[in-house]
Amino acid sequence: MGAYRDDSPEVVVHLGDGSGAPRAVDPADLGADAPDPAPDHPFLLLTRTETEYIQARYLDEGTYELEHVDGADHRQLFTTDALLVRDIVWSWIQRDSWWRDTVAWTTVDPAVAELNALRAELSEMLDGISIMDSVTDELDRALARADELLGADLDFGDDPFESG
């Protein structure tokens, strides 16, 4: 049997270790970059298409968040059971319906999903604006210093517009 390489794998795996340096593991393109949806927490994201994926994130205090999106269907699950996370992800990869039929998923309201997407987008924008805070602070200090130097002790004499 000859060697066969599938240049378009069915599932692409994206990993993030929480370090802010995510990496994608793709058999067809090793080392391709992947966006990190949560740089503060390690994650595992498996994608079939842009609209079909499953993601597991490790949150604080040993909790895992699993999200599954398939088109408009968006479900979520929180658990502390790492073995359950493993079993769900493996079942999803194998296209076994166990993960969907047996596990108690919560459907994410589309309005909530939209708010989360908006929050993420605004967070990215506000991170860039925080640089402006330091510029504004410096400008405020400079103006305060100018007020001190021009201060109240200067006597400009009589006001020519004052009638007397």
N, C-alpha and C. Protein backbone atom coordinates (compact mmCIF):
# COMPACT_ATOMS: atom_id res chain seq x y z
N MET A 1 0.84 -1.17 0.00
CA MET A 1 0.00 0.00 0.00
C MET A 1 0.89 1.24 0.00
N GLY A 2 0.58 2.19 -0.87
CA GLY A 2 1.37 3.41 -0.94
C GLY A 2 1.00 4.37 0.16
N ALA A 3 1.89 5.29 0.44
CA ALA A 3 1.62 6.28 1.47
C ALA A 3 0.59 7.27 0.95
N TYR A 4 -0.39 7.58 1.78
CA TYR A 4 -1.44 8.52 1.41
C TYR A 4 -1.44 9.66 2.41
N ARG A 5 -1.44 10.86 1.90
CA ARG A 5 -1.50 12.04 2.76
C ARG A 5 -2.73 12.85 2.39
N ASP A 6 -3.57 13.09 3.36
CA ASP A 6 -4.77 13.89 3.16
C ASP A 6 -4.41 15.34 3.43
N ASP A 7 -4.38 16.15 2.37
CA ASP A 7 -4.00 17.56 2.53
C ASP A 7 -5.12 18.42 3.09
N SER A 8 -6.30 17.87 3.24
CA SER A 8 -7.40 18.61 3.85
C SER A 8 -8.02 17.73 4.92
N PRO A 9 -7.44 17.71 6.12
CA PRO A 9 -7.92 16.83 7.18
C PRO A 9 -9.36 17.19 7.58
N GLU A 10 -10.07 16.18 8.05
CA GLU A 10 -11.45 16.41 8.46
C GLU A 10 -11.52 17.28 9.71
N VAL A 11 -10.61 17.06 10.65
CA VAL A 11 -10.60 17.80 11.91
C VAL A 11 -9.24 18.48 12.06
N VAL A 12 -9.27 19.78 12.33
CA VAL A 12 -8.05 20.52 12.61
C VAL A 12 -8.05 20.83 14.10
N VAL A 13 -6.91 20.60 14.75
CA VAL A 13 -6.79 20.78 16.19
C VAL A 13 -5.98 22.05 16.46
N HIS A 14 -6.54 22.93 17.30
CA HIS A 14 -5.86 24.15 17.71
C HIS A 14 -5.64 24.05 19.22
N LEU A 15 -4.42 24.34 19.65
CA LEU A 15 -4.09 24.26 21.07
C LEU A 15 -3.61 25.61 21.57
N GLY A 16 -3.93 25.92 22.80
CA GLY A 16 -3.41 27.11 23.46
C GLY A 16 -3.02 26.72 24.87
N ASP A 17 -1.85 27.09 25.27
CA ASP A 17 -1.38 26.69 26.60
C ASP A 17 -1.56 27.78 27.64
N GLY A 18 -2.26 28.85 27.27
CA GLY A 18 -2.46 29.94 28.21
C GLY A 18 -1.32 30.93 28.22
N SER A 19 -0.29 30.68 27.41
CA SER A 19 0.87 31.56 27.40
C SER A 19 0.72 32.73 26.44
N GLY A 20 -0.37 32.74 25.69
CA GLY A 20 -0.54 33.79 24.69
C GLY A 20 0.12 33.43 23.38
N ALA A 21 0.66 32.23 23.27
CA ALA A 21 1.30 31.79 22.04
C ALA A 21 0.62 30.52 21.55
N PRO A 22 -0.60 30.64 21.02
CA PRO A 22 -1.31 29.45 20.57
C PRO A 22 -0.67 28.87 19.32
N ARG A 23 -0.92 27.62 19.09
CA ARG A 23 -0.41 27.00 17.88
C ARG A 23 -1.46 26.02 17.37
N ALA A 24 -1.46 25.83 16.08
CA ALA A 24 -2.39 24.88 15.48
C ALA A 24 -1.63 23.61 15.15
N VAL A 25 -2.26 22.49 15.37
CA VAL A 25 -1.67 21.21 15.00
C VAL A 25 -2.54 20.67 13.87
N ASP A 26 -2.00 20.70 12.68
CA ASP A 26 -2.74 20.31 11.49
C ASP A 26 -1.85 19.35 10.71
N PRO A 27 -2.29 18.13 10.48
CA PRO A 27 -1.44 17.17 9.76
C PRO A 27 -1.01 17.67 8.39
N ALA A 28 -1.81 18.50 7.75
CA ALA A 28 -1.46 18.99 6.42
C ALA A 28 -0.54 20.21 6.46
N ASP A 29 -0.55 20.94 7.58
CA ASP A 29 0.22 22.17 7.67
C ASP A 29 0.68 22.37 9.10
N LEU A 30 1.69 21.63 9.50
CA LEU A 30 2.17 21.69 10.88
C LEU A 30 2.67 23.09 11.21
N GLY A 31 2.25 23.57 12.37
CA GLY A 31 2.74 24.85 12.85
C GLY A 31 1.94 26.05 12.39
N ALA A 32 0.83 25.85 11.72
CA ALA A 32 0.02 27.00 11.29
C ALA A 32 -0.53 27.72 12.52
N ASP A 33 -0.60 29.03 12.43
CA ASP A 33 -1.09 29.82 13.56
C ASP A 33 -2.60 29.70 13.69
N ALA A 34 -3.06 29.79 14.90
CA ALA A 34 -4.50 29.77 15.18
C ALA A 34 -4.79 30.89 16.16
N PRO A 35 -5.93 31.55 16.04
CA PRO A 35 -6.25 32.60 17.01
C PRO A 35 -6.55 31.99 18.37
N ASP A 36 -6.16 32.69 19.40
CA ASP A 36 -6.38 32.21 20.76
C ASP A 36 -7.60 32.93 21.33
N PRO A 37 -8.74 32.23 21.48
CA PRO A 37 -9.93 32.90 21.98
C PRO A 37 -9.86 33.26 23.45
N ALA A 38 -8.95 32.65 24.19
CA ALA A 38 -8.85 32.92 25.62
C ALA A 38 -7.41 32.77 26.07
N PRO A 39 -6.60 33.81 25.90
CA PRO A 39 -5.17 33.65 26.20
C PRO A 39 -4.87 33.39 27.67
N ASP A 40 -5.82 33.67 28.56
CA ASP A 40 -5.57 33.45 29.99
C ASP A 40 -5.80 32.00 30.41
N HIS A 41 -6.42 31.21 29.56
CA HIS A 41 -6.75 29.84 29.94
C HIS A 41 -6.38 28.87 28.81
N PRO A 42 -5.83 27.74 29.17
CA PRO A 42 -5.52 26.73 28.14
C PRO A 42 -6.80 26.27 27.45
N PHE A 43 -6.69 25.95 26.18
CA PHE A 43 -7.87 25.50 25.45
C PHE A 43 -7.50 24.47 24.40
N LEU A 44 -8.50 23.73 23.98
CA LEU A 44 -8.41 22.77 22.89
C LEU A 44 -9.59 23.06 21.99
N LEU A 45 -9.32 23.38 20.74
CA LEU A 45 -10.36 23.69 19.77
C LEU A 45 -10.22 22.75 18.60
N LEU A 46 -11.30 22.01 18.30
CA LEU A 46 -11.31 21.09 17.16
C LEU A 46 -12.33 21.61 16.16
N THR A 47 -11.90 21.81 14.93
CA THR A 47 -12.81 22.36 13.92
C THR A 47 -12.94 21.41 12.74
N ARG A 48 -14.16 21.29 12.24
CA ARG A 48 -14.41 20.60 10.97
C ARG A 48 -14.60 21.64 9.87
N THR A 49 -15.39 22.65 10.18
CA THR A 49 -15.61 23.79 9.28
C THR A 49 -15.64 25.04 10.15
N GLU A 50 -15.83 26.19 9.50
CA GLU A 50 -15.92 27.44 10.27
C GLU A 50 -17.12 27.45 11.20
N THR A 51 -18.15 26.72 10.82
CA THR A 51 -19.38 26.74 11.62
C THR A 51 -19.62 25.45 12.38
N GLU A 52 -18.65 24.56 12.39
CA GLU A 52 -18.79 23.32 13.17
C GLU A 52 -17.49 23.07 13.93
N TYR A 53 -17.59 23.21 15.26
CA TYR A 53 -16.42 22.99 16.08
C TYR A 53 -16.83 22.63 17.50
N ILE A 54 -15.85 22.10 18.24
CA ILE A 54 -16.02 21.85 19.66
C ILE A 54 -14.79 22.40 20.35
N GLN A 55 -14.99 23.03 21.49
CA GLN A 55 -13.88 23.65 22.21
C GLN A 55 -13.97 23.30 23.68
N ALA A 56 -12.83 22.99 24.26
CA ALA A 56 -12.73 22.76 25.70
C ALA A 56 -11.72 23.76 26.26
N ARG A 57 -12.14 24.47 27.30
CA ARG A 57 -11.24 25.42 27.98
C ARG A 57 -11.14 25.03 29.44
N TYR A 58 -9.93 25.15 29.98
CA TYR A 58 -9.71 24.91 31.39
C TYR A 58 -9.82 26.25 32.10
N LEU A 59 -10.80 26.36 32.97
CA LEU A 59 -11.04 27.60 33.70
C LEU A 59 -10.43 27.52 35.09
N ASP A 60 -10.57 28.59 35.84
CA ASP A 60 -10.05 28.63 37.21
C ASP A 60 -10.69 27.55 38.08
N GLU A 61 -9.97 27.14 39.09
CA GLU A 61 -10.45 26.20 40.10
C GLU A 61 -10.85 24.84 39.54
N GLY A 62 -10.21 24.42 38.46
CA GLY A 62 -10.42 23.06 37.95
C GLY A 62 -11.70 22.81 37.19
N THR A 63 -12.34 23.84 36.69
CA THR A 63 -13.57 23.67 35.92
C THR A 63 -13.25 23.71 34.43
N TYR A 64 -13.94 22.88 33.68
CA TYR A 64 -13.81 22.86 32.22
C TYR A 64 -15.08 23.42 31.60
N GLU A 65 -14.91 24.21 30.56
CA GLU A 65 -16.04 24.70 29.78
C GLU A 65 -15.95 24.06 28.40
N LEU A 66 -17.00 23.38 28.00
CA LEU A 66 -17.07 22.82 26.66
C LEU A 66 -18.12 23.58 25.87
N GLU A 67 -17.79 23.90 24.64
CA GLU A 67 -18.73 24.55 23.76
C GLU A 67 -18.77 23.78 22.46
N HIS A 68 -19.96 23.61 21.93
CA HIS A 68 -20.12 22.98 20.63
C HIS A 68 -20.97 23.88 19.76
N VAL A 69 -20.50 24.14 18.56
CA VAL A 69 -21.24 24.95 17.60
C VAL A 69 -21.36 24.15 16.32
N ASP A 70 -22.58 24.07 15.82
CA ASP A 70 -22.85 23.43 14.53
C ASP A 70 -23.88 24.30 13.82
N GLY A 71 -23.39 25.23 13.02
CA GLY A 71 -24.29 26.19 12.38
C GLY A 71 -24.88 27.12 13.42
N ALA A 72 -26.20 27.16 13.48
CA ALA A 72 -26.88 28.02 14.46
C ALA A 72 -27.02 27.35 15.82
N ASP A 73 -26.76 26.05 15.89
CA ASP A 73 -26.87 25.30 17.15
C ASP A 73 -25.61 25.55 17.99
N HIS A 74 -25.78 26.16 19.17
CA HIS A 74 -24.66 26.49 20.05
C HIS A 74 -24.98 25.95 21.43
N ARG A 75 -24.16 24.99 21.89
CA ARG A 75 -24.39 24.36 23.19
C ARG A 75 -23.17 24.52 24.07
N GLN A 76 -23.41 24.42 25.39
CA GLN A 76 -22.35 24.65 26.37
C GLN A 76 -22.52 23.70 27.54
N LEU A 77 -21.39 23.39 28.18
CA LEU A 77 -21.37 22.48 29.32
C LEU A 77 -20.22 22.88 30.23
N PHE A 78 -20.46 22.86 31.54
CA PHE A 78 -19.41 23.09 32.53
C PHE A 78 -19.28 21.83 33.37
N THR A 79 -18.04 21.40 33.61
CA THR A 79 -17.81 20.20 34.40
C THR A 79 -16.43 20.27 35.05
N THR A 80 -16.26 19.49 36.12
CA THR A 80 -14.93 19.35 36.73
C THR A 80 -14.33 17.99 36.38
N ASP A 81 -15.04 17.19 35.58
CA ASP A 81 -14.62 15.83 35.23
C ASP A 81 -13.80 15.83 33.95
N ALA A 82 -12.48 15.72 34.09
CA ALA A 82 -11.58 15.73 32.92
C ALA A 82 -11.83 14.52 32.02
N LEU A 83 -12.20 13.38 32.60
CA LEU A 83 -12.46 12.20 31.79
C LEU A 83 -13.71 12.38 30.92
N LEU A 84 -14.70 13.07 31.44
CA LEU A 84 -15.89 13.37 30.65
C LEU A 84 -15.52 14.26 29.47
N VAL A 85 -14.69 15.25 29.72
CA VAL A 85 -14.22 16.14 28.65
C VAL A 85 -13.53 15.31 27.57
N ARG A 86 -12.64 14.43 27.97
CA ARG A 86 -11.93 13.58 27.02
C ARG A 86 -12.89 12.74 26.22
N ASP A 87 -13.86 12.11 26.89
CA ASP A 87 -14.81 11.23 26.22
C ASP A 87 -15.69 12.00 25.23
N ILE A 88 -16.12 13.19 25.61
CA ILE A 88 -16.95 14.00 24.72
C ILE A 88 -16.17 14.38 23.46
N VAL A 89 -14.95 14.86 23.65
CA VAL A 89 -14.13 15.28 22.51
C VAL A 89 -13.85 14.09 21.59
N TRP A 90 -13.50 12.95 22.16
CA TRP A 90 -13.20 11.77 21.34
C TRP A 90 -14.45 11.30 20.59
N SER A 91 -15.59 11.32 21.25
CA SER A 91 -16.84 10.93 20.61
C SER A 91 -17.17 11.88 19.46
N TRP A 92 -16.92 13.16 19.64
CA TRP A 92 -17.17 14.14 18.58
C TRP A 92 -16.26 13.88 17.38
N ILE A 93 -14.99 13.61 17.65
CA ILE A 93 -14.04 13.32 16.57
C ILE A 93 -14.49 12.10 15.78
N GLN A 94 -14.95 11.07 16.48
CA GLN A 94 -15.35 9.81 15.85
C GLN A 94 -16.73 9.88 15.19
N ARG A 95 -17.41 11.01 15.31
CA ARG A 95 -18.78 11.18 14.82
C ARG A 95 -19.76 10.20 15.46
N ASP A 96 -19.45 9.84 16.70
CA ASP A 96 -20.33 9.00 17.50
C ASP A 96 -21.36 9.93 18.14
N SER A 97 -22.62 9.57 18.12
CA SER A 97 -23.66 10.45 18.64
C SER A 97 -23.74 10.45 20.17
N TRP A 98 -22.91 9.64 20.83
CA TRP A 98 -22.95 9.57 22.30
C TRP A 98 -22.82 10.94 22.94
N TRP A 99 -21.87 11.75 22.50
CA TRP A 99 -21.61 13.05 23.11
C TRP A 99 -22.82 13.97 23.03
N ARG A 100 -23.61 13.83 21.99
CA ARG A 100 -24.78 14.69 21.79
C ARG A 100 -26.01 14.14 22.52
N ASP A 101 -26.19 12.80 22.48
CA ASP A 101 -27.40 12.17 23.01
C ASP A 101 -27.37 11.93 24.51
N THR A 102 -26.19 11.69 25.07
CA THR A 102 -26.09 11.27 26.46
C THR A 102 -25.77 12.41 27.42
N VAL A 103 -24.99 13.37 26.97
CA VAL A 103 -24.52 14.44 27.84
C VAL A 103 -25.57 15.55 27.92
N ALA A 104 -25.73 16.11 29.11
CA ALA A 104 -26.73 17.17 29.34
C ALA A 104 -26.13 18.53 28.97
N TRP A 105 -26.30 18.92 27.74
CA TRP A 105 -25.82 20.20 27.24
C TRP A 105 -26.86 21.29 27.52
N THR A 106 -26.39 22.52 27.63
CA THR A 106 -27.27 23.67 27.75
C THR A 106 -27.20 24.43 26.43
N THR A 107 -28.35 24.73 25.87
CA THR A 107 -28.38 25.50 24.63
C THR A 107 -28.11 26.96 24.97
N VAL A 108 -27.18 27.55 24.24
CA VAL A 108 -26.83 28.95 24.46
C VAL A 108 -27.79 29.80 23.63
N ASP A 109 -28.46 30.71 24.31
CA ASP A 109 -29.39 31.62 23.65
C ASP A 109 -28.61 32.44 22.62
N PRO A 110 -29.12 32.57 21.39
CA PRO A 110 -28.41 33.35 20.37
C PRO A 110 -28.10 34.78 20.81
N ALA A 111 -28.99 35.37 21.60
CA ALA A 111 -28.74 36.73 22.08
C ALA A 111 -27.54 36.76 23.03
N VAL A 112 -27.41 35.74 23.87
CA VAL A 112 -26.27 35.64 24.78
C VAL A 112 -24.99 35.41 23.98
N ALA A 113 -25.05 34.55 22.98
CA ALA A 113 -23.88 34.30 22.14
C ALA A 113 -23.45 35.58 21.44
N GLU A 114 -24.41 36.36 20.96
CA GLU A 114 -24.10 37.62 20.30
C GLU A 114 -23.46 38.60 21.28
N LEU A 115 -23.98 38.66 22.51
CA LEU A 115 -23.39 39.53 23.52
C LEU A 115 -21.96 39.11 23.86
N ASN A 116 -21.71 37.80 23.95
CA ASN A 116 -20.36 37.31 24.22
C ASN A 116 -19.41 37.68 23.09
N ALA A 117 -19.88 37.55 21.85
CA ALA A 117 -19.05 37.92 20.71
C ALA A 117 -18.75 39.42 20.73
N LEU A 118 -19.76 40.22 21.05
CA LEU A 118 -19.58 41.67 21.14
C LEU A 118 -18.62 42.03 22.27
N ARG A 119 -18.75 41.35 23.41
CA ARG A 119 -17.85 41.59 24.54
C ARG A 119 -16.41 41.29 24.15
N ALA A 120 -16.19 40.18 23.45
CA ALA A 120 -14.84 39.82 23.02
C ALA A 120 -14.28 40.86 22.05
N GLU A 121 -15.12 41.31 21.14
CA GLU A 121 -14.68 42.32 20.17
C GLU A 121 -14.35 43.64 20.85
N LEU A 122 -15.21 44.06 21.78
CA LEU A 122 -14.96 45.31 22.50
C LEU A 122 -13.73 45.21 23.39
N SER A 123 -13.50 44.04 23.98
CA SER A 123 -12.32 43.85 24.83
C SER A 123 -11.05 44.06 24.01
N GLU A 124 -11.04 43.53 22.78
CA GLU A 124 -9.88 43.72 21.92
C GLU A 124 -9.68 45.19 21.59
N MET A 125 -10.79 45.88 21.31
CA MET A 125 -10.69 47.31 20.98
C MET A 125 -10.23 48.11 22.19
N LEU A 126 -10.75 47.80 23.37
CA LEU A 126 -10.40 48.55 24.57
C LEU A 126 -8.96 48.31 25.00
N ASP A 127 -8.42 47.13 24.69
CA ASP A 127 -7.02 46.89 24.99
C ASP A 127 -6.13 47.89 24.25
N GLY A 128 -6.50 48.21 23.01
CA GLY A 128 -5.75 49.20 22.25
C GLY A 128 -5.93 50.60 22.79
N ILE A 129 -7.10 50.89 23.34
CA ILE A 129 -7.39 52.22 23.86
C ILE A 129 -6.67 52.46 25.18
N SER A 130 -6.33 51.44 25.92
CA SER A 130 -5.67 51.63 27.21
C SER A 130 -4.35 52.38 27.06
N ILE A 131 -3.75 52.33 25.89
CA ILE A 131 -2.53 53.11 25.64
C ILE A 131 -2.85 54.60 25.72
N MET A 132 -4.05 54.96 25.26
CA MET A 132 -4.46 56.35 25.29
C MET A 132 -4.60 56.87 26.72
N ASP A 133 -4.91 55.99 27.66
CA ASP A 133 -5.03 56.40 29.06
C ASP A 133 -3.73 57.01 29.55
N SER A 134 -2.60 56.37 29.23
CA SER A 134 -1.32 56.87 29.70
C SER A 134 -0.98 58.20 29.03
N VAL A 135 -1.35 58.36 27.75
CA VAL A 135 -1.10 59.63 27.06
C VAL A 135 -1.95 60.73 27.70
N THR A 136 -3.20 60.44 27.99
CA THR A 136 -4.09 61.40 28.63
C THR A 136 -3.57 61.79 30.00
N ASP A 137 -3.08 60.82 30.78
CA ASP A 137 -2.53 61.10 32.10
C ASP A 137 -1.33 62.03 32.00
N GLU A 138 -0.46 61.78 31.04
CA GLU A 138 0.72 62.64 30.85
C GLU A 138 0.31 64.05 30.47
N LEU A 139 -0.68 64.16 29.60
CA LEU A 139 -1.17 65.47 29.19
C LEU A 139 -1.77 66.21 30.38
N ASP A 140 -2.53 65.53 31.21
CA ASP A 140 -3.11 66.16 32.41
C ASP A 140 -2.02 66.67 33.33
N ARG A 141 -0.96 65.87 33.53
CA ARG A 141 0.15 66.30 34.39
C ARG A 141 0.86 67.52 33.79
N ALA A 142 1.03 67.52 32.47
CA ALA A 142 1.70 68.64 31.82
C ALA A 142 0.88 69.92 31.95
N LEU A 143 -0.43 69.82 31.78
CA LEU A 143 -1.29 70.99 31.92
C LEU A 143 -1.32 71.49 33.37
N ALA A 144 -1.31 70.59 34.32
CA ALA A 144 -1.29 70.99 35.73
C ALA A 144 0.01 71.72 36.04
N ARG A 145 1.11 71.22 35.50
CA ARG A 145 2.41 71.88 35.71
C ARG A 145 2.42 73.26 35.05
N ALA A 146 1.83 73.37 33.88
CA ALA A 146 1.76 74.67 33.20
C ALA A 146 0.94 75.64 34.02
N ASP A 147 -0.15 75.16 34.61
CA ASP A 147 -0.96 76.02 35.48
C ASP A 147 -0.14 76.51 36.67
N GLU A 148 0.70 75.62 37.24
CA GLU A 148 1.55 76.02 38.37
C GLU A 148 2.53 77.10 37.95
N LEU A 149 3.17 76.89 36.79
CA LEU A 149 4.18 77.84 36.34
C LEU A 149 3.57 79.19 35.98
N LEU A 150 2.40 79.18 35.38
CA LEU A 150 1.75 80.43 35.02
C LEU A 150 1.02 81.04 36.19
N GLY A 151 0.84 80.24 37.19
CA GLY A 151 0.23 80.45 38.48
C GLY A 151 -0.47 81.73 38.83
N ALA A 152 -0.95 81.70 40.00
CA ALA A 152 -1.77 82.78 40.53
C ALA A 152 -0.93 83.96 41.00
N ASP A 153 0.39 83.79 41.16
CA ASP A 153 1.23 84.86 41.69
C ASP A 153 1.58 85.92 40.65
N LEU A 154 1.29 85.68 39.40
CA LEU A 154 1.62 86.65 38.36
C LEU A 154 0.61 87.79 38.39
N ASP A 155 1.13 89.03 38.36
CA ASP A 155 0.26 90.19 38.36
C ASP A 155 0.31 90.81 36.97
N PHE A 156 -0.80 90.80 36.29
CA PHE A 156 -0.85 91.32 34.93
C PHE A 156 -1.27 92.78 34.91
N GLY A 157 -1.36 93.41 36.06
CA GLY A 157 -1.72 94.82 36.11
C GLY A 157 -3.20 95.03 35.96
N ASP A 158 -3.54 96.24 35.58
CA ASP A 158 -4.95 96.59 35.42
C ASP A 158 -5.54 95.93 34.20
N ASP A 159 -6.81 95.55 34.32
CA ASP A 159 -7.51 94.95 33.21
C ASP A 159 -8.00 96.06 32.31
N PRO A 160 -7.56 96.13 31.03
CA PRO A 160 -7.94 97.22 30.15
C PRO A 160 -9.42 97.23 29.80
N PHE A 161 -10.09 96.15 30.02
CA PHE A 161 -11.50 96.08 29.66
C PHE A 161 -12.41 96.45 30.83
N GLU A 162 -11.81 96.68 31.96
CA GLU A 162 -12.58 97.04 33.13
C GLU A 162 -12.85 98.55 33.11
N SER A 163 -14.08 98.92 33.34
CA SER A 163 -14.38 100.36 33.37
C SER A 163 -14.30 100.84 34.81
N GLY A 164 -13.77 101.98 34.99
CA GLY A 164 -13.59 102.34 36.34
C GLY A 164 -13.76 103.68 36.70
